[in-house]
């Protein structure tokens, strides 16, 4: 029960933060974020400038997310999809109905500041969703579905889609807003990689005299396997075992502390894994 309330609180706070960011930094800088959020803003701007009518943010956002959310619900995880849908619904409603008087006092008039600090807030809201076991919707649904269903990295396709959105914004409106939007997306990407590491992997090289106990810890803490290599330590003139294992980045710190508790003299080298090909345990989504 407590875990569910914590998860719900993170989702609600993330939605409020994202809506606040859209109404302040994104609006003040006339930015076009990536994904379905950016596409929604682009559609709104096109309707306003060329059709002289305003479409509610929530209506466009919900329409774009309907099919990806349904696919995610069916193939990825029901709770994962429902919490993500909750995030989208709250964010959409707040973006449409957040009090304008309160927002106007907090807007920044400098486009560069809007791009940088807007990107930071965007990364924070997305990371809160990810920690809660959900997403902010949109292209994240598509990327996760392709990744888990077909074991393919879809982020390059998402990036290409974002480039198309920015190119359309540059052609229809002004180039400087599209360039500031690139800064926004770059800031989001860099900050998100620091705030959330669940999609990253770490390679561990562990030299130990207690390989069986260490391997038991790897299985218990991460559910990953390991490969052992026999070696000889020239410094102490003793035989050693090298354990090689790849774990999720957010599991590495927990695992290292557990290993040190069993074998304080263990020598551990941690390397950032750039690319992984082969069977790798993915924690199932609920």
Protein backbone atom coordinates (compact mmCIF):
# COMPACT_ATOMS: atom_id res chain seq x y z
CA UNK A 1 0.00 0.00 0.00
CA UNK A 2 2.80 2.40 0.95
CA UNK A 3 4.67 1.60 -2.27
CA UNK A 4 1.54 2.30 -4.34
CA UNK A 5 1.01 5.66 -2.61
CA UNK A 6 4.66 6.57 -3.15
CA UNK A 7 4.35 5.64 -6.81
CA UNK A 8 1.17 7.69 -7.18
CA UNK A 9 2.75 10.70 -5.45
CA UNK A 10 5.74 10.60 -7.82
CA UNK A 11 3.44 10.43 -10.85
CA UNK A 12 1.31 13.37 -9.69
CA UNK A 13 4.35 15.50 -8.82
CA UNK A 14 5.96 14.68 -12.17
CA UNK A 15 2.77 15.69 -14.02
CA UNK A 16 2.52 18.97 -12.11
CA UNK A 17 6.20 19.71 -12.77
CA UNK A 18 5.89 18.97 -16.49
CA UNK A 19 2.75 21.09 -16.88
CA UNK A 20 4.41 23.92 -14.95
CA UNK A 21 7.45 23.69 -17.23
CA UNK A 22 5.28 23.81 -20.34
CA UNK A 23 3.42 26.89 -19.09
CA UNK A 24 6.57 28.75 -18.00
CA UNK A 25 9.93 28.01 -19.63
CA UNK A 26 8.61 26.27 -22.75
CA UNK A 27 5.90 28.87 -23.35
CA UNK A 28 8.17 31.83 -22.63
CA UNK A 29 10.85 30.57 -25.01
CA UNK A 30 8.31 29.45 -27.66
CA UNK A 31 10.11 26.09 -27.59
CA UNK A 32 9.13 22.84 -29.29
CA UNK A 33 10.14 19.91 -27.08
CA UNK A 34 10.68 16.46 -28.50
CA UNK A 35 8.16 13.66 -28.76
CA UNK A 36 4.38 13.92 -28.69
CA UNK A 37 4.51 16.93 -26.37
CA UNK A 38 6.42 18.90 -28.98
CA UNK A 39 4.15 17.62 -31.74
CA UNK A 40 1.12 18.70 -29.70
CA UNK A 41 2.52 22.22 -29.29
CA UNK A 42 3.37 22.34 -33.00
CA UNK A 43 -0.18 21.34 -33.97
CA UNK A 44 -1.59 23.95 -31.59
CA UNK A 45 0.62 26.65 -33.10
CA UNK A 46 -0.29 25.65 -36.69
CA UNK A 47 -4.02 25.74 -35.89
CA UNK A 48 -3.68 29.13 -34.22
CA UNK A 49 -1.56 30.79 -36.90
CA UNK A 50 -3.08 29.32 -40.05
CA UNK A 51 -6.59 28.40 -38.93
CA UNK A 52 -7.13 31.16 -36.38
CA UNK A 53 -8.53 28.75 -33.77
CA UNK A 54 -7.06 27.24 -30.62
CA UNK A 55 -7.10 23.49 -29.96
CA UNK A 56 -6.85 22.43 -26.29
CA UNK A 57 -3.48 20.92 -25.42
CA UNK A 58 -5.08 17.94 -23.67
CA UNK A 59 -7.26 16.98 -26.65
CA UNK A 60 -4.31 16.73 -29.04
CA UNK A 61 -2.07 15.04 -26.47
CA UNK A 62 -4.66 12.39 -25.59
CA UNK A 63 -5.39 11.68 -29.26
CA UNK A 64 -1.71 11.17 -30.12
CA UNK A 65 -1.14 8.89 -27.11
CA UNK A 66 -4.27 6.74 -27.49
CA UNK A 67 -2.89 4.00 -29.77
CA UNK A 68 0.65 3.79 -28.21
CA UNK A 69 -0.92 3.57 -24.72
CA UNK A 70 -3.21 0.74 -25.85
CA UNK A 71 -0.28 -1.19 -27.34
CA UNK A 72 1.75 -0.63 -24.17
CA UNK A 73 -1.16 -1.84 -22.01
CA UNK A 74 -1.46 -5.02 -24.04
CA UNK A 75 2.18 -5.95 -24.55
CA UNK A 76 4.33 -4.24 -21.90
CA UNK A 77 2.45 -4.07 -18.60
CA UNK A 78 -0.98 -3.05 -17.37
CA UNK A 79 0.05 -1.08 -14.28
CA UNK A 80 2.94 0.48 -16.18
CA UNK A 81 0.54 1.68 -18.89
CA UNK A 82 -2.14 2.85 -16.44
CA UNK A 83 0.28 4.94 -14.38
CA UNK A 84 1.67 6.41 -17.60
CA UNK A 85 -1.86 7.25 -18.76
CA UNK A 86 -2.52 8.91 -15.40
CA UNK A 87 0.60 11.03 -15.91
CA UNK A 88 -0.59 12.07 -19.39
CA UNK A 89 -4.13 12.89 -18.21
CA UNK A 90 -3.01 15.05 -15.27
CA UNK A 91 -0.34 16.82 -17.31
CA UNK A 92 -2.80 17.58 -20.12
CA UNK A 93 -5.48 18.97 -17.81
CA UNK A 94 -3.03 21.08 -15.80
CA UNK A 95 -1.46 22.49 -18.96
CA UNK A 96 -4.88 23.67 -20.13
CA UNK A 97 -6.22 24.94 -16.79
CA UNK A 98 -3.23 26.06 -14.70
CA UNK A 99 -3.94 29.67 -13.55
CA UNK A 100 -2.40 32.15 -15.99
CA UNK A 101 -1.88 34.89 -13.38
CA UNK A 102 0.34 32.61 -11.33
CA UNK A 103 2.28 31.47 -14.37
CA UNK A 104 2.94 34.89 -15.89
CA UNK A 105 4.87 36.04 -12.80
CA UNK A 106 7.31 33.13 -13.15
CA UNK A 107 8.05 33.28 -16.86
CA UNK A 108 11.60 33.99 -18.04
CA UNK A 109 11.94 36.31 -21.03
CA UNK A 110 15.37 35.06 -22.13
CA UNK A 111 15.06 32.20 -24.67
CA UNK A 112 18.41 30.65 -23.77
CA UNK A 113 17.57 30.56 -20.06
CA UNK A 114 14.18 29.09 -20.93
CA UNK A 115 15.83 26.36 -23.03
CA UNK A 116 18.41 25.40 -20.38
CA UNK A 117 16.25 25.50 -17.26
CA UNK A 118 13.24 24.14 -19.13
CA UNK A 119 15.37 21.19 -20.24
CA UNK A 120 16.46 20.57 -16.64
CA UNK A 121 12.88 20.59 -15.35
CA UNK A 122 11.80 18.35 -18.21
CA UNK A 123 14.51 15.83 -17.34
CA UNK A 124 13.51 15.91 -13.68
CA UNK A 125 9.84 15.25 -14.43
CA UNK A 126 10.69 12.38 -16.81
CA UNK A 127 13.09 10.80 -14.31
CA UNK A 128 10.42 10.94 -11.58
CA UNK A 129 8.08 9.04 -13.92
CA UNK A 130 10.75 6.43 -14.61
CA UNK A 131 11.48 5.97 -10.91
CA UNK A 132 7.75 5.45 -10.37
CA UNK A 133 7.70 2.71 -13.02
CA UNK A 134 5.93 4.75 -15.70
CA UNK A 135 6.69 7.16 -18.53
CA UNK A 136 5.53 10.57 -19.65
CA UNK A 137 3.95 8.82 -22.64
CA UNK A 138 4.31 9.60 -26.31
CA UNK A 139 7.40 8.32 -28.03
CA UNK A 140 8.55 6.62 -24.80
CA UNK A 141 5.70 4.14 -25.29
CA UNK A 142 6.93 3.38 -28.79
CA UNK A 143 10.61 3.11 -27.82
CA UNK A 144 9.94 0.78 -24.88
CA UNK A 145 7.61 -1.42 -26.93
CA UNK A 146 10.13 -1.84 -29.76
CA UNK A 147 13.00 -2.38 -27.31
CA UNK A 148 11.25 -5.07 -25.25
CA UNK A 149 9.28 -6.73 -28.04
CA UNK A 150 11.91 -6.83 -30.77
CA UNK A 151 15.16 -6.22 -28.80
CA UNK A 152 15.98 -3.25 -31.00
CA UNK A 153 17.08 0.23 -30.03
CA UNK A 154 14.38 2.65 -31.20
CA UNK A 155 15.92 5.86 -29.87
CA UNK A 156 17.57 6.67 -33.20
CA UNK A 157 14.15 6.58 -34.87
CA UNK A 158 12.73 8.77 -32.09
CA UNK A 159 15.58 11.21 -32.61
CA UNK A 160 14.85 11.28 -36.36
CA UNK A 161 11.20 12.02 -35.60
CA UNK A 162 12.20 14.87 -33.31
CA UNK A 163 14.39 16.28 -36.08
CA UNK A 164 11.38 16.29 -38.42
CA UNK A 165 9.33 18.17 -35.81
CA UNK A 166 12.08 20.77 -35.36
CA UNK A 167 12.55 21.11 -39.11
CA UNK A 168 8.82 21.75 -39.51
CA UNK A 169 8.97 24.35 -36.73
CA UNK A 170 11.93 26.06 -38.43
CA UNK A 171 10.17 26.16 -41.81
CA UNK A 172 6.80 27.29 -40.50
CA UNK A 173 8.02 29.77 -37.91
CA UNK A 174 11.55 30.98 -37.11
CA UNK A 175 14.90 29.20 -37.17
CA UNK A 176 16.06 30.60 -33.83
CA UNK A 177 13.16 28.96 -31.94
CA UNK A 178 14.06 25.60 -33.51
CA UNK A 179 17.70 26.06 -32.50
CA UNK A 180 16.74 26.96 -28.93
CA UNK A 181 14.54 23.85 -28.93
CA UNK A 182 17.62 21.77 -29.80
CA UNK A 183 19.36 23.23 -26.73
CA UNK A 184 16.26 22.30 -24.70
CA UNK A 185 16.38 18.70 -25.92
CA UNK A 186 20.16 18.44 -25.47
CA UNK A 187 19.88 19.69 -21.89
CA UNK A 188 17.08 17.21 -21.21
CA UNK A 189 19.13 14.31 -22.58
CA UNK A 190 22.27 15.15 -20.61
CA UNK A 191 20.39 15.76 -17.35
CA UNK A 192 18.26 12.63 -17.75
CA UNK A 193 21.33 10.43 -18.26
CA UNK A 194 22.60 11.69 -14.88
CA UNK A 195 19.29 11.57 -13.01
CA UNK A 196 18.13 8.14 -14.22
CA UNK A 197 20.40 5.23 -15.10
CA UNK A 198 17.90 2.39 -15.27
CA UNK A 199 18.46 1.93 -19.02
CA UNK A 200 22.25 1.92 -18.70
CA UNK A 201 24.50 -1.05 -17.97
CA UNK A 202 27.77 -1.48 -16.11
CA UNK A 203 30.39 -4.19 -16.65
CA UNK A 204 31.96 -5.52 -13.44
CA UNK A 205 35.35 -7.24 -13.30
CA UNK A 206 35.67 -8.72 -9.80
CA UNK A 207 38.91 -10.33 -8.61
CA UNK A 208 38.13 -12.35 -5.49
CA UNK A 209 39.09 -15.36 -3.41
CA UNK A 210 35.40 -16.09 -2.71
CA UNK A 211 33.86 -16.54 -6.17
CA UNK A 212 30.95 -18.76 -5.10
CA UNK A 213 29.75 -16.30 -2.46
CA UNK A 214 30.15 -13.35 -4.82
CA UNK A 215 28.26 -15.10 -7.61
CA UNK A 216 25.45 -15.91 -5.17
CA UNK A 217 25.21 -12.19 -4.40
CA UNK A 218 25.06 -11.29 -8.11
CA UNK A 219 22.16 -13.70 -8.61
CA UNK A 220 20.37 -12.58 -5.47
CA UNK A 221 20.73 -8.83 -5.97
CA UNK A 222 20.41 -8.53 -9.76
CA UNK A 223 19.26 -11.89 -11.18
CA UNK A 224 22.17 -11.66 -13.65
CA UNK A 225 24.74 -14.32 -14.40
CA UNK A 226 28.54 -14.22 -14.37
CA UNK A 227 31.53 -15.87 -16.02
CA UNK A 228 34.63 -16.89 -14.07
CA UNK A 229 38.27 -16.91 -15.19
CA UNK A 230 41.09 -18.46 -13.19
CA UNK A 231 44.17 -16.31 -12.71
CA UNK A 232 47.25 -15.79 -10.57
CA UNK A 233 47.92 -12.68 -8.49
CA UNK A 234 51.60 -11.78 -8.84
CA UNK A 235 51.62 -9.33 -5.93
CA UNK A 236 50.57 -11.86 -3.28
CA UNK A 237 51.60 -14.92 -5.30
CA UNK A 238 48.15 -16.45 -4.86
CA UNK A 239 45.55 -17.91 -7.20
CA UNK A 240 42.54 -15.68 -7.82
CA UNK A 241 39.25 -15.88 -9.71
CA UNK A 242 38.03 -13.12 -12.02
CA UNK A 243 34.25 -12.82 -12.23
CA UNK A 244 32.83 -10.99 -15.24
CA UNK A 245 29.23 -9.74 -15.09
CA UNK A 246 27.05 -7.04 -16.66
CA UNK A 247 24.33 -5.47 -14.51
CA UNK A 248 22.00 -2.49 -14.70
CA UNK A 249 23.68 0.77 -13.74
CA UNK A 250 21.35 1.40 -10.80
CA UNK A 251 22.19 -2.06 -9.41
CA UNK A 252 25.97 -1.64 -9.50
CA UNK A 253 26.34 0.42 -6.31
CA UNK A 254 24.11 -1.91 -4.27
CA UNK A 255 25.97 -4.95 -5.55
CA UNK A 256 29.44 -3.49 -4.85
CA UNK A 257 28.51 -2.72 -1.23
CA UNK A 258 27.22 -6.26 -0.79
CA UNK A 259 30.39 -7.72 -2.31
CA UNK A 260 32.60 -5.67 0.02
CA UNK A 261 30.63 -6.97 2.99
CA UNK A 262 31.47 -10.55 1.97
CA UNK A 263 35.02 -10.01 0.65
CA UNK A 264 36.51 -6.69 1.72
CA UNK A 265 39.72 -7.37 -0.23
CA UNK A 266 37.86 -7.95 -3.52
CA UNK A 267 39.22 -5.84 -6.40
CA UNK A 268 36.35 -4.45 -8.50
CA UNK A 269 36.66 -2.61 -11.80
CA UNK A 270 33.45 -0.97 -13.06
CA UNK A 271 33.19 0.00 -16.74
CA UNK A 272 30.38 1.82 -18.50
CA UNK A 273 28.84 -0.50 -21.08
CA UNK A 274 28.21 1.34 -24.34
CA UNK A 275 26.66 -1.51 -26.32
CA UNK A 276 25.40 -4.95 -25.32
CA UNK A 277 24.47 -7.78 -27.65
CA UNK A 278 23.13 -11.04 -26.28
CA UNK A 279 20.81 -12.24 -23.55
CA UNK A 280 20.46 -9.71 -20.76
CA UNK A 281 17.87 -10.00 -17.99
CA UNK A 282 15.26 -7.23 -18.13
CA UNK A 283 13.19 -6.69 -15.02
CA UNK A 284 9.55 -7.31 -16.02
CA UNK A 285 7.16 -4.35 -15.94
CA UNK A 286 4.02 -4.78 -13.90
